[in-house]
Amino acid sequence: MEYLPQDPAILVSSINMLLRDEEFDTLESLCCFYDREPAELMATLEKEGYVYSEAQKQFRPIGYDD
């Protein structure tokens, strides 16, 4: 993958796949590779209803773990 998708649903799926398949160890390393700021990416996806779980190493729907 040469760039991160713009569509929020595809972006979440892509990030979770890259982290799950151990292409990247952390969200920070993934963001560094794609020249994105982790805080900006998390803020963008939070607006779309997703929050990053450090324990699970994935974006999850807000309220999923409640």
C-alpha atoms as a PDB file:
ATOM      1  CA  MET A   1       0.000   0.000   0.000  1.00  0.00           C
ATOM      2  CA  GLU A   2       1.558   3.284  -1.110  1.00  0.00           C
ATOM      3  CA  TYR A   3      -0.731   5.616   0.833  1.00  0.00           C
ATOM      4  CA  LEU A   4      -3.464   5.508   3.450  1.00  0.00           C
ATOM      5  CA  PRO A   5      -7.015   5.654   2.076  1.00  0.00           C
ATOM      6  CA  GLN A   6      -9.164   8.754   2.619  1.00  0.00           C
ATOM      7  CA  ASP A   7     -12.486   6.959   3.175  1.00  0.00           C
ATOM      8  CA  PRO A   8     -12.869   6.512   6.972  1.00  0.00           C
ATOM      9  CA  ALA A   9     -14.208   2.929   6.852  1.00  0.00           C
ATOM     10  CA  ILE A  10     -11.473   1.780   4.488  1.00  0.00           C
ATOM     11  CA  LEU A  11      -8.871   3.719   6.486  1.00  0.00           C
ATOM     12  CA  VAL A  12      -9.833   1.958   9.737  1.00  0.00           C
ATOM     13  CA  SER A  13      -9.814  -1.418   8.028  1.00  0.00           C
ATOM     14  CA  SER A  14      -6.434  -0.760   6.410  1.00  0.00           C
ATOM     15  CA  ILE A  15      -4.779   0.447   9.606  1.00  0.00           C
ATOM     16  CA  ASN A  16      -6.140  -2.455  11.622  1.00  0.00           C
ATOM     17  CA  MET A  17      -4.964  -4.919   8.957  1.00  0.00           C
ATOM     18  CA  LEU A  18      -1.459  -3.435   8.856  1.00  0.00           C
ATOM     19  CA  LEU A  19      -1.191  -3.573  12.648  1.00  0.00           C
ATOM     20  CA  ARG A  20      -2.770  -7.044  12.928  1.00  0.00           C
ATOM     21  CA  ASP A  21      -0.589  -8.590  10.241  1.00  0.00           C
ATOM     22  CA  GLU A  22       2.465  -7.159  12.010  1.00  0.00           C
ATOM     23  CA  GLU A  23       3.529  -4.951   9.142  1.00  0.00           C
ATOM     24  CA  PHE A  24       4.040  -2.334  11.874  1.00  0.00           C
ATOM     25  CA  ASP A  25       4.633  -2.751  15.610  1.00  0.00           C
ATOM     26  CA  THR A  26       2.880   0.443  16.669  1.00  0.00           C
ATOM     27  CA  LEU A  27       0.509   3.079  15.387  1.00  0.00           C
ATOM     28  CA  GLU A  28       3.400   5.548  15.630  1.00  0.00           C
ATOM     29  CA  SER A  29       5.621   3.493  13.305  1.00  0.00           C
ATOM     30  CA  LEU A  30       2.752   3.120  10.831  1.00  0.00           C
ATOM     31  CA  CYS A  31       2.130   6.882  10.891  1.00  0.00           C
ATOM     32  CA  CYS A  32       5.823   7.621  10.472  1.00  0.00           C
ATOM     33  CA  PHE A  33       5.984   5.384   7.396  1.00  0.00           C
ATOM     34  CA  TYR A  34       2.963   7.123   5.808  1.00  0.00           C
ATOM     35  CA  ASP A  35       4.076  10.594   6.947  1.00  0.00           C
ATOM     36  CA  ARG A  36       1.010  11.154   9.156  1.00  0.00           C
ATOM     37  CA  GLU A  37       0.750  12.391  12.724  1.00  0.00           C
ATOM     38  CA  PRO A  38      -0.760   9.813  15.120  1.00  0.00           C
ATOM     39  CA  ALA A  39      -2.737  12.489  16.999  1.00  0.00           C
ATOM     40  CA  GLU A  40      -4.189  13.852  13.740  1.00  0.00           C
ATOM     41  CA  LEU A  41      -5.141  10.374  12.559  1.00  0.00           C
ATOM     42  CA  MET A  42      -6.775   9.524  15.901  1.00  0.00           C
ATOM     43  CA  ALA A  43      -8.697  12.822  15.904  1.00  0.00           C
ATOM     44  CA  THR A  44      -9.909  12.246  12.353  1.00  0.00           C
ATOM     45  CA  LEU A  45     -11.153   8.752  13.134  1.00  0.00           C
ATOM     46  CA  GLU A  46     -12.675   9.798  16.460  1.00  0.00           C
ATOM     47  CA  LYS A  47     -14.931  12.167  14.482  1.00  0.00           C
ATOM     48  CA  GLU A  48     -16.037   9.101  12.516  1.00  0.00           C
ATOM     49  CA  GLY A  49     -16.819   7.104  15.661  1.00  0.00           C
ATOM     50  CA  TYR A  50     -13.585   5.167  16.239  1.00  0.00           C
ATOM     51  CA  VAL A  51     -11.114   5.218  19.101  1.00  0.00           C
ATOM     52  CA  TYR A  52      -7.659   3.637  19.214  1.00  0.00           C
ATOM     53  CA  SER A  53      -7.135   0.816  21.722  1.00  0.00           C
ATOM     54  CA  GLU A  54      -3.469   0.557  22.645  1.00  0.00           C
ATOM     55  CA  ALA A  55      -4.102  -2.815  24.339  1.00  0.00           C
ATOM     56  CA  GLN A  56      -5.713  -4.290  21.218  1.00  0.00           C
ATOM     57  CA  LYS A  57      -3.520  -2.347  18.764  1.00  0.00           C
ATOM     58  CA  GLN A  58      -6.558  -1.442  16.677  1.00  0.00           C
ATOM     59  CA  PHE A  59      -9.217   1.166  16.101  1.00  0.00           C
ATOM     60  CA  ARG A  60     -12.568   0.136  17.553  1.00  0.00           C
ATOM     61  CA  PRO A  61     -16.017   1.734  17.501  1.00  0.00           C
ATOM     62  CA  ILE A  62     -16.524   4.194  20.353  1.00  0.00           C
ATOM     63  CA  GLY A  63     -18.306   2.396  23.190  1.00  0.00           C
ATOM     64  CA  TYR A  64     -17.309  -1.083  21.969  1.00  0.00           C
ATOM     65  CA  ASP A  65     -15.410  -1.881  25.157  1.00  0.00           C
ATOM     66  CA  ASP A  66     -17.926  -0.356  27.602  1.00  0.00           C
END
